[in-house]
C-alpha atoms as a PDB file:
ATOM      1  CA  MET A   1      23.219  11.259   9.585  1.00  0.00           C
ATOM      2  CA  PRO A   2      24.511  10.037  12.810  1.00  0.00           C
ATOM      3  CA  ILE A   3      22.271   8.550  15.464  1.00  0.00           C
ATOM      4  CA  PRO A   4      23.098   9.904  19.428  1.00  0.00           C
ATOM      5  CA  GLU A   5      23.883   6.722  21.202  1.00  0.00           C
ATOM      6  CA  ASP A   6      20.859   7.347  23.800  1.00  0.00           C
ATOM      7  CA  VAL A   7      18.172   6.470  20.593  1.00  0.00           C
ATOM      8  CA  THR A   8      17.696   2.629  20.598  1.00  0.00           C
ATOM      9  CA  GLY A   9      14.436   2.589  18.009  1.00  0.00           C
ATOM     10  CA  GLU A  10      12.432   0.951  20.917  1.00  0.00           C
ATOM     11  CA  GLU A  11      11.350   4.722  22.147  1.00  0.00           C
ATOM     12  CA  ILE A  12       9.003   5.141  18.814  1.00  0.00           C
ATOM     13  CA  ASP A  13       5.268   4.405  19.328  1.00  0.00           C
ATOM     14  CA  LYS A  14       3.746   0.150  19.050  1.00  0.00           C
ATOM     15  CA  ASP A  15       1.638   0.337  16.066  1.00  0.00           C
ATOM     16  CA  VAL A  16       4.576   2.071  13.756  1.00  0.00           C
ATOM     17  CA  ARG A  17       7.386  -0.753  15.520  1.00  0.00           C
ATOM     18  CA  GLN A  18       3.910  -2.577  14.655  1.00  0.00           C
ATOM     19  CA  GLU A  19       4.636  -1.535  10.602  1.00  0.00           C
ATOM     20  CA  LEU A  20       8.156  -2.295  10.394  1.00  0.00           C
ATOM     21  CA  GLN A  21       8.092  -5.045  11.542  1.00  0.00           C
ATOM     22  CA  SER A  22       7.618  -6.078   7.651  1.00  0.00           C
ATOM     23  CA  LEU A  23      11.317  -5.269   6.698  1.00  0.00           C
ATOM     24  CA  PRO A  24      14.401  -6.853   7.613  1.00  0.00           C
ATOM     25  CA  LYS A  25      15.693  -6.103  11.459  1.00  0.00           C
ATOM     26  CA  THR A  26      18.647  -4.283  11.439  1.00  0.00           C
ATOM     27  CA  LEU A  27      16.540  -2.152   8.568  1.00  0.00           C
ATOM     28  CA  ALA A  28      13.758  -1.765  10.749  1.00  0.00           C
ATOM     29  CA  GLU A  29      16.288  -1.289  13.803  1.00  0.00           C
ATOM     30  CA  ASP A  30      17.887   1.956  11.614  1.00  0.00           C
ATOM     31  CA  VAL A  31      14.263   3.109  10.281  1.00  0.00           C
ATOM     32  CA  ALA A  32      13.329   3.220  14.051  1.00  0.00           C
ATOM     33  CA  LYS A  33      16.112   5.160  14.959  1.00  0.00           C
ATOM     34  CA  ASN A  34      16.457   7.717  12.640  1.00  0.00           C
ATOM     35  CA  LEU A  35      12.435   7.620  13.115  1.00  0.00           C
ATOM     36  CA  VAL A  36      12.665   8.680  16.984  1.00  0.00           C
ATOM     37  CA  MET A  37      15.221  11.798  15.878  1.00  0.00           C
ATOM     38  CA  VAL A  38      12.468  13.031  13.813  1.00  0.00           C
ATOM     39  CA  ALA A  39      10.021  13.233  16.819  1.00  0.00           C
ATOM     40  CA  ARG A  40      12.762  14.569  18.645  1.00  0.00           C
ATOM     41  CA  LEU A  41      13.768  17.751  16.517  1.00  0.00           C
ATOM     42  CA  ILE A  42      10.724  18.235  14.415  1.00  0.00           C
ATOM     43  CA  ASP A  43       9.317  21.331  16.994  1.00  0.00           C
ATOM     44  CA  GLU A  44      13.454  23.143  18.051  1.00  0.00           C
ATOM     45  CA  ASP A  45      15.284  21.896  15.155  1.00  0.00           C
ATOM     46  CA  PRO A  46      13.073  21.068  12.075  1.00  0.00           C
ATOM     47  CA  GLU A  47      15.974  21.022   9.658  1.00  0.00           C
ATOM     48  CA  GLY A  48      17.499  18.046  11.462  1.00  0.00           C
ATOM     49  CA  ALA A  49      14.225  16.733  11.668  1.00  0.00           C
ATOM     50  CA  TYR A  50      14.016  16.758   8.117  1.00  0.00           C
ATOM     51  CA  GLY A  51      17.357  15.353   7.456  1.00  0.00           C
ATOM     52  CA  TYR A  52      16.554  12.472   9.631  1.00  0.00           C
ATOM     53  CA  SER A  53      13.085  11.979   7.798  1.00  0.00           C
ATOM     54  CA  LYS A  54      14.973  11.956   3.857  1.00  0.00           C
ATOM     55  CA  VAL A  55      16.756   9.079   5.748  1.00  0.00           C
ATOM     56  CA  ALA A  56      14.145   7.163   7.240  1.00  0.00           C
ATOM     57  CA  LEU A  57      12.392   7.806   3.198  1.00  0.00           C
ATOM     58  CA  ARG A  58      15.341   6.550   1.306  1.00  0.00           C
ATOM     59  CA  LEU A  59      15.626   2.954   3.087  1.00  0.00           C
ATOM     60  CA  ALA A  60      11.664   2.177   3.521  1.00  0.00           C
ATOM     61  CA  SER A  61       9.252   4.134   1.226  1.00  0.00           C
ATOM     62  CA  ARG A  62       6.942   2.088   1.133  1.00  0.00           C
ATOM     63  CA  VAL A  63       6.133   2.220   4.797  1.00  0.00           C
ATOM     64  CA  ALA A  64       3.544   4.198   5.648  1.00  0.00           C
ATOM     65  CA  ALA A  65       4.880   5.649   9.072  1.00  0.00           C
ATOM     66  CA  VAL A  66       7.707   6.659   7.747  1.00  0.00           C
ATOM     67  CA  ARG A  67       6.045   8.512   4.513  1.00  0.00           C
ATOM     68  CA  GLU A  68       3.737  10.089   7.170  1.00  0.00           C
ATOM     69  CA  ALA A  69       7.115  11.232   9.563  1.00  0.00           C
ATOM     70  CA  ALA A  70       8.745  12.800   6.502  1.00  0.00           C
ATOM     71  CA  GLY A  71       5.031  14.282   5.570  1.00  0.00           C
ATOM     72  CA  PHE A  72       5.263  16.335   8.750  1.00  0.00           C
ATOM     73  CA  ALA A  73       8.966  17.328   8.761  1.00  0.00           C
ATOM     74  CA  ALA A  74       8.872  18.315   5.306  1.00  0.00           C
ATOM     75  CA  TYR A  75       5.753  20.185   6.705  1.00  0.00           C
ATOM     76  CA  ALA A  76       7.375  21.416   9.792  1.00  0.00           C
ATOM     77  CA  ASN A  77      10.047  23.188   7.241  1.00  0.00           C
ATOM     78  CA  GLN A  78       7.367  24.886   4.761  1.00  0.00           C
ATOM     79  CA  LYS A  79       7.757  22.256   1.625  1.00  0.00           C
ATOM     80  CA  TYR A  80       4.131  22.150   2.283  1.00  0.00           C
ATOM     81  CA  GLY A  81       4.070  20.650  -1.935  1.00  0.00           C
ATOM     82  CA  GLU A  82       6.652  17.872  -0.507  1.00  0.00           C
ATOM     83  CA  ALA A  83       4.938  17.047   2.396  1.00  0.00           C
ATOM     84  CA  LEU A  84       1.194  16.565   0.445  1.00  0.00           C
ATOM     85  CA  ALA A  85       3.022  14.522  -2.118  1.00  0.00           C
ATOM     86  CA  GLU A  86       4.288  12.411   1.379  1.00  0.00           C
ATOM     87  CA  PHE A  87       0.404  12.723   3.041  1.00  0.00           C
ATOM     88  CA  ARG A  88      -1.690  11.422  -0.403  1.00  0.00           C
ATOM     89  CA  ALA A  89       0.801   7.679   0.017  1.00  0.00           C
ATOM     90  CA  ALA A  90       0.442   7.415   3.739  1.00  0.00           C
ATOM     91  CA  ARG A  91      -3.227   7.816   3.046  1.00  0.00           C
ATOM     92  CA  ARG A  92      -3.510   5.201  -0.177  1.00  0.00           C
ATOM     93  CA  MET A  93      -0.887   3.202   2.341  1.00  0.00           C
ATOM     94  CA  THR A  94      -3.338   3.403   5.442  1.00  0.00           C
ATOM     95  CA  GLY A  95      -6.746   4.383   3.607  1.00  0.00           C
ATOM     96  CA  THR A  96      -7.420   6.300   6.553  1.00  0.00           C
ATOM     97  CA  VAL A  97      -8.625  10.284   7.503  1.00  0.00           C
ATOM     98  CA  GLU A  98      -6.573  11.295   9.893  1.00  0.00           C
ATOM     99  CA  LEU A  99      -3.988  13.441   7.529  1.00  0.00           C
ATOM    100  CA  TRP A 100      -7.222  15.129   6.153  1.00  0.00           C
ATOM    101  CA  PRO A 101      -6.968  18.328   8.183  1.00  0.00           C
ATOM    102  CA  VAL A 102      -2.942  18.726   7.221  1.00  0.00           C
ATOM    103  CA  MET A 103      -3.565  18.196   3.989  1.00  0.00           C
ATOM    104  CA  ALA A 104      -5.906  20.582   3.451  1.00  0.00           C
ATOM    105  CA  ASP A 105      -3.695  22.966   5.646  1.00  0.00           C
ATOM    106  CA  CYS A 106      -1.181  21.875   2.888  1.00  0.00           C
ATOM    107  CA  GLU A 107      -3.099  23.449  -0.057  1.00  0.00           C
ATOM    108  CA  ARG A 108      -3.922  26.371   2.664  1.00  0.00           C
ATOM    109  CA  GLY A 109       0.728  26.832   1.704  1.00  0.00           C
ATOM    110  CA  LEU A 110       0.522  26.124  -1.512  1.00  0.00           C
ATOM    111  CA  GLY A 111      -1.681  29.128  -1.928  1.00  0.00           C
ATOM    112  CA  ARG A 112      -4.885  27.389  -2.517  1.00  0.00           C
ATOM    113  CA  PRO A 113      -6.948  28.431  -0.148  1.00  0.00           C
ATOM    114  CA  GLU A 114      -9.913  27.396  -2.432  1.00  0.00           C
ATOM    115  CA  LYS A 115      -9.455  23.840  -2.345  1.00  0.00           C
ATOM    116  CA  ALA A 116      -8.416  23.915   1.129  1.00  0.00           C
ATOM    117  CA  LEU A 117     -12.492  24.844   1.529  1.00  0.00           C
ATOM    118  CA  ASP A 118     -13.151  22.195  -0.736  1.00  0.00           C
ATOM    119  CA  MET A 119     -12.112  19.389   1.685  1.00  0.00           C
ATOM    120  CA  ALA A 120     -13.238  21.031   5.076  1.00  0.00           C
ATOM    121  CA  GLY A 121     -16.966  20.231   2.807  1.00  0.00           C
ATOM    122  CA  ALA A 122     -15.714  16.921   2.252  1.00  0.00           C
ATOM    123  CA  PRO A 123     -17.272  13.549   2.837  1.00  0.00           C
ATOM    124  CA  GLU A 124     -13.561  12.581   4.433  1.00  0.00           C
ATOM    125  CA  VAL A 125     -14.673  15.470   8.081  1.00  0.00           C
ATOM    126  CA  HIS A 126     -17.746  13.308   9.080  1.00  0.00           C
ATOM    127  CA  LYS A 127     -15.385  10.545   9.517  1.00  0.00           C
ATOM    128  CA  LEU A 128     -12.793  12.587  11.676  1.00  0.00           C
ATOM    129  CA  ASP A 129     -12.734  11.838  15.316  1.00  0.00           C
ATOM    130  CA  LYS A 130     -13.507  15.169  17.326  1.00  0.00           C
ATOM    131  CA  ALA A 131      -9.805  16.269  17.083  1.00  0.00           C
ATOM    132  CA  GLY A 132      -9.452  15.851  13.797  1.00  0.00           C
ATOM    133  CA  GLN A 133     -12.869  17.828  13.024  1.00  0.00           C
ATOM    134  CA  VAL A 134     -11.904  21.067  15.532  1.00  0.00           C
ATOM    135  CA  GLU A 135      -8.007  20.756  13.485  1.00  0.00           C
ATOM    136  CA  MET A 136     -10.492  21.274   9.917  1.00  0.00           C
ATOM    137  CA  ARG A 137     -12.379  23.849  11.192  1.00  0.00           C
ATOM    138  CA  LEU A 138      -9.368  25.597  12.383  1.00  0.00           C
ATOM    139  CA  VAL A 139      -7.455  25.207   8.783  1.00  0.00           C
ATOM    140  CA  ALA A 140     -11.135  25.900   7.981  1.00  0.00           C
ATOM    141  CA  ALA A 141     -11.131  29.420   9.012  1.00  0.00           C
ATOM    142  CA  GLY A 142      -7.584  29.961   8.145  1.00  0.00           C
ATOM    143  CA  ALA A 143      -8.325  29.340   4.905  1.00  0.00           C
ATOM    144  CA  ARG A 144     -11.592  32.767   4.651  1.00  0.00           C
ATOM    145  CA  ARG A 145      -8.534  34.531   6.657  1.00  0.00           C
ATOM    146  CA  ASP A 146      -5.915  33.890   3.547  1.00  0.00           C
ATOM    147  CA  MET A 147      -9.264  35.233   0.793  1.00  0.00           C
ATOM    148  CA  GLY A 148      -9.862  38.182   3.129  1.00  0.00           C
ATOM    149  CA  GLN A 149     -13.285  36.822   5.023  1.00  0.00           C
ATOM    150  CA  LEU A 150     -12.795  37.526   7.962  1.00  0.00           C
ATOM    151  CA  ASP A 151     -16.648  37.798   9.473  1.00  0.00           C
ATOM    152  CA  ALA A 152     -16.772  34.328   7.292  1.00  0.00           C
ATOM    153  CA  ALA A 153     -14.055  32.865   9.345  1.00  0.00           C
ATOM    154  CA  ILE A 154     -15.316  33.952  12.631  1.00  0.00           C
ATOM    155  CA  VAL A 155     -18.533  32.297  11.942  1.00  0.00           C
ATOM    156  CA  THR A 156     -16.505  29.233  11.436  1.00  0.00           C
ATOM    157  CA  LEU A 157     -15.043  28.959  14.274  1.00  0.00           C
ATOM    158  CA  GLN A 158     -18.003  29.220  16.492  1.00  0.00           C
ATOM    159  CA  SER A 159     -19.016  25.739  17.091  1.00  0.00           C
ATOM    160  CA  PRO A 160     -20.093  23.830  20.040  1.00  0.00           C
ATOM    161  CA  GLU A 161     -16.421  22.934  21.378  1.00  0.00           C
ATOM    162  CA  LEU A 162     -15.284  27.241  21.013  1.00  0.00           C
ATOM    163  CA  ALA A 163     -18.448  27.427  23.722  1.00  0.00           C
ATOM    164  CA  SER A 164     -17.907  23.759  25.753  1.00  0.00           C
ATOM    165  CA  ASN A 165     -15.934  24.956  29.034  1.00  0.00           C
ATOM    166  CA  SER A 166     -14.571  22.162  29.815  1.00  0.00           C
ATOM    167  CA  VAL A 167     -10.650  21.931  28.498  1.00  0.00           C
ATOM    168  CA  GLN A 168      -9.658  19.923  26.034  1.00  0.00           C
ATOM    169  CA  PRO A 169      -6.120  19.211  23.819  1.00  0.00           C
ATOM    170  CA  TRP A 170      -7.907  21.922  21.306  1.00  0.00           C
ATOM    171  CA  THR A 171      -9.359  24.306  22.824  1.00  0.00           C
ATOM    172  CA  ALA A 172      -6.144  26.897  23.556  1.00  0.00           C
ATOM    173  CA  ARG A 173      -5.705  26.746  20.105  1.00  0.00           C
ATOM    174  CA  LEU A 174      -9.251  26.941  18.858  1.00  0.00           C
ATOM    175  CA  ARG A 175      -9.858  29.812  21.498  1.00  0.00           C
ATOM    176  CA  TYR A 176      -7.265  31.680  20.464  1.00  0.00           C
ATOM    177  CA  ALA A 177      -8.095  31.785  16.850  1.00  0.00           C
ATOM    178  CA  TYR A 178     -11.376  32.551  17.560  1.00  0.00           C
ATOM    179  CA  ALA A 179      -9.379  35.772  19.646  1.00  0.00           C
ATOM    180  CA  ASP A 180      -7.057  36.196  16.620  1.00  0.00           C
ATOM    181  CA  ALA A 181      -9.560  36.665  14.005  1.00  0.00           C
ATOM    182  CA  LEU A 182     -12.114  38.862  16.415  1.00  0.00           C
ATOM    183  CA  LEU A 183      -9.013  41.033  16.914  1.00  0.00           C
ATOM    184  CA  ALA A 184      -8.247  41.547  13.272  1.00  0.00           C
ATOM    185  CA  ALA A 185     -11.533  41.991  12.094  1.00  0.00           C
ATOM    186  CA  GLY A 186     -11.357  45.189  14.811  1.00  0.00           C
ATOM    187  CA  ARG A 187     -13.453  43.784  17.797  1.00  0.00           C
ATOM    188  CA  GLU A 188     -10.919  44.328  20.211  1.00  0.00           C
ATOM    189  CA  ARG A 189     -12.885  43.797  23.286  1.00  0.00           C
ATOM    190  CA  GLU A 190     -14.231  40.712  22.711  1.00  0.00           C
ATOM    191  CA  ALA A 191     -10.689  39.587  21.746  1.00  0.00           C
ATOM    192  CA  ARG A 192      -9.311  40.430  24.760  1.00  0.00           C
ATOM    193  CA  GLU A 193     -12.218  38.239  26.214  1.00  0.00           C
ATOM    194  CA  TRP A 194     -11.109  34.951  24.252  1.00  0.00           C
ATOM    195  CA  PHE A 195      -7.231  35.376  24.517  1.00  0.00           C
ATOM    196  CA  ALA A 196      -8.019  35.434  28.601  1.00  0.00           C
ATOM    197  CA  LYS A 197     -10.348  32.144  28.458  1.00  0.00           C
ATOM    198  CA  ALA A 198      -7.598  30.556  25.756  1.00  0.00           C
ATOM    199  CA  VAL A 199      -4.884  31.626  29.080  1.00  0.00           C
ATOM    200  CA  GLU A 200      -7.194  29.254  30.665  1.00  0.00           C
ATOM    201  CA  ALA A 201      -6.684  26.115  28.752  1.00  0.00           C
ATOM    202  CA  ASP A 202      -3.294  26.511  27.687  1.00  0.00           C
ATOM    203  CA  ARG A 203      -1.955  24.464  30.192  1.00  0.00           C
ATOM    204  CA  ASP A 204       1.642  23.249  28.502  1.00  0.00           C
ATOM    205  CA  GLY A 205       2.167  26.817  26.806  1.00  0.00           C
ATOM    206  CA  SER A 206       1.029  25.716  22.665  1.00  0.00           C
ATOM    207  CA  THR A 207       0.548  29.664  22.013  1.00  0.00           C
ATOM    208  CA  ASP A 208       1.480  32.689  22.874  1.00  0.00           C
ATOM    209  CA  ALA A 209      -2.324  33.923  24.139  1.00  0.00           C
ATOM    210  CA  SER A 210      -0.484  35.066  27.552  1.00  0.00           C
ATOM    211  CA  ASP A 211       1.537  37.964  26.019  1.00  0.00           C
ATOM    212  CA  ARG A 212      -1.425  38.584  23.161  1.00  0.00           C
ATOM    213  CA  LEU A 213      -3.464  40.052  25.918  1.00  0.00           C
ATOM    214  CA  ALA A 214      -1.066  41.816  28.078  1.00  0.00           C
ATOM    215  CA  GLU A 215      -0.372  43.676  25.118  1.00  0.00           C
ATOM    216  CA  LEU A 216      -3.787  44.335  24.563  1.00  0.00           C
ATOM    217  CA  ASP A 217      -3.648  45.597  27.817  1.00  0.00           C
ATOM    218  CA  GLY A 218      -0.671  47.953  27.152  1.00  0.00           C
ATOM    219  CA  VAL A 219       1.812  45.869  29.433  1.00  0.00           C
ATOM    220  CA  GLU A 220       5.434  46.157  28.172  1.00  0.00           C
ATOM    221  CA  PHE A 221       7.771  43.349  29.394  1.00  0.00           C
ATOM    222  CA  VAL A 222      10.824  44.558  29.620  1.00  0.00           C
ATOM    223  CA  ASP A 223      14.507  42.328  29.875  1.00  0.00           C
ATOM    224  CA  ALA A 224      16.210  43.155  32.830  1.00  0.00           C
ATOM    225  CA  LEU A 225      18.665  41.122  32.008  1.00  0.00           C
ATOM    226  CA  ALA A 226      19.657  43.302  29.061  1.00  0.00           C
ATOM    227  CA  GLU A 227      18.924  46.180  30.987  1.00  0.00           C
ATOM    228  CA  ASP A 228      21.505  45.284  33.439  1.00  0.00           C
ATOM    229  CA  GLY A 229      24.295  44.597  30.083  1.00  0.00           C
ATOM    230  CA  ALA A 230      23.355  47.824  28.933  1.00  0.00           C
ATOM    231  CA  ASP A 231      23.916  49.840  32.691  1.00  0.00           C
ATOM    232  CA  GLU A 232      27.142  47.562  32.033  1.00  0.00           C
ATOM    233  CA  VAL A 233      28.567  48.337  29.073  1.00  0.00           C
ATOM    234  CA  ASP A 234      28.352  52.440  29.411  1.00  0.00           C
ATOM    235  CA  GLU A 235      29.559  51.995  32.820  1.00  0.00           C
ATOM    236  CA  ALA A 236      32.150  50.759  30.424  1.00  0.00           C
ATOM    237  CA  VAL A 237      32.326  53.469  28.664  1.00  0.00           C
ATOM    238  CA  GLU A 238      32.774  55.814  30.956  1.00  0.00           C
ATOM    239  CA  ALA A 239      36.139  53.908  33.160  1.00  0.00           C
ATOM    240  CA  VAL A 240      38.012  54.192  29.777  1.00  0.00           C
ATOM    241  CA  GLU A 241      36.389  57.220  28.609  1.00  0.00           C
ATOM    242  CA  ALA A 242      38.335  58.698  31.931  1.00  0.00           C
ATOM    243  CA  VAL A 243      41.327  56.681  31.771  1.00  0.00           C
ATOM    244  CA  GLU A 244      42.130  58.106  28.345  1.00  0.00           C
ATOM    245  CA  ALA A 245      41.372  61.514  29.888  1.00  0.00           C
ATOM    246  CA  ASP A 246      43.991  61.421  32.553  1.00  0.00           C
ATOM    247  CA  GLU A 247      46.430  60.004  30.233  1.00  0.00           C
ATOM    248  CA  ALA A 248      45.462  62.977  26.963  1.00  0.00           C
ATOM    249  CA  GLY A 249      46.378  65.165  30.793  1.00  0.00           C
ATOM    250  CA  ASP A 250      49.134  63.517  31.887  1.00  0.00           C
ATOM    251  CA  ALA A 251      50.621  64.147  27.876  1.00  0.00           C
ATOM    252  CA  GLU A 252      49.681  67.585  28.050  1.00  0.00           C
ATOM    253  CA  GLU A 253      51.171  67.844  31.184  1.00  0.00           C
ATOM    254  CA  SER A 254      54.264  66.139  30.084  1.00  0.00           C
ATOM    255  CA  ASP A 255      54.234  68.553  26.834  1.00  0.00           C
ATOM    256  CA  ARG A 256      54.292  71.551  29.315  1.00  0.00           C
ATOM    257  CA  SER A 257      57.397  70.265  31.198  1.00  0.00           C
ATOM    258  CA  ALA A 258      59.206  69.388  27.863  1.00  0.00           C
ATOM    259  CA  GLY A 259      58.615  73.130  26.661  1.00  0.00           C
ATOM    260  CA  ASP A 260      59.594  74.691  29.756  1.00  0.00           C
ATOM    261  CA  SER A 261      63.012  72.759  29.705  1.00  0.00           C
ATOM    262  CA  ALA A 262      63.708  73.938  26.937  1.00  0.00           C
ATOM    263  CA  GLU A 263      63.021  77.276  27.433  1.00  0.00           C
ATOM    264  CA  ASP A 264      65.982  77.056  30.226  1.00  0.00           C
ATOM    265  CA  GLY A 265      68.088  75.104  28.466  1.00  0.00           C
ATOM    266  CA  ASP A 266      67.365  78.234  25.816  1.00  0.00           C
ATOM    267  CA  LYS A 267      68.433  81.215  28.726  1.00  0.00           C
ATOM    268  CA  ASP A 268      71.452  79.531  29.830  1.00  0.00           C
END
C-alpha cells in the first residue's frame, strides 16, 4: 500500500522504535511507516488502517507492537475474533496486562458477555493502572447490559472515579456510560444530570453527550445549510414552471393565430 511522502517512520513511539531495532534497518523503517499509517487512519478510515496493519504484520509478525497494532485495527473494523487473537499474541510476547480490558470487550463483541465478566473478576485486573481499571469497569457494565441486567450495570459504574470531581482522561466516558445506563433504565432525570456532567468533562468531544443532553431537553437542531438549499431548489422549480407556463401560453397563442389565418384563407 502507498505511503505518503511526509511519513518517515520516525513519528512512532520511542518504545515501539526500540522494539523494531531487532529488525534489519530497511525492514524496520518499512514497518514503522506502516504502523504510522495505522495510527493516522484508525479513527477516520478504519478499513485503510486495517490494510496497513496487515502489511506490517506480514513484514514483522514477531514484533509485539505490530501484533498490538493489528489487533486494534481489526477491533476498529469489528473483526473481534481476529482482534482477540492478535491481542493474545501481543500479551504472550510482552507478559503485560494492559490489553486485558480490550480483550474482554472483544469477548463481548463475539457475543460472550459472560466471558467478559469472568475477565473483569480475574486477578489481572488488579495489575492494571487506574485508567485500565476504569476501562475494565466500562466493559463489565457493557457486558451486564448485553445480558439485560440494567440495574447491575448501573451499580457496576458507581465508583470513586465516577463520584470524583477531578477530570481525568476517562471521566467523560465514565459519566456518559452511567447516564446512558440510567436512561435505559427509565431514570431520565438522573440521566440528564449525568449527561450534563459528561459534557463538562468532555473537553475533546470524545462523546456525543451534548447532543444527548439537548435531545432530553427537547432541543431540535436545524441544518441551516440544508434548509437554504431546499429553498433554492424550490425557487428553481418555480422558475422552471413559470418558464414552461409562458412557453405553453406562447404555443397556444401561436396555434390560435395559425387557425385564424387558415379561416381567413378559406373565406378568400
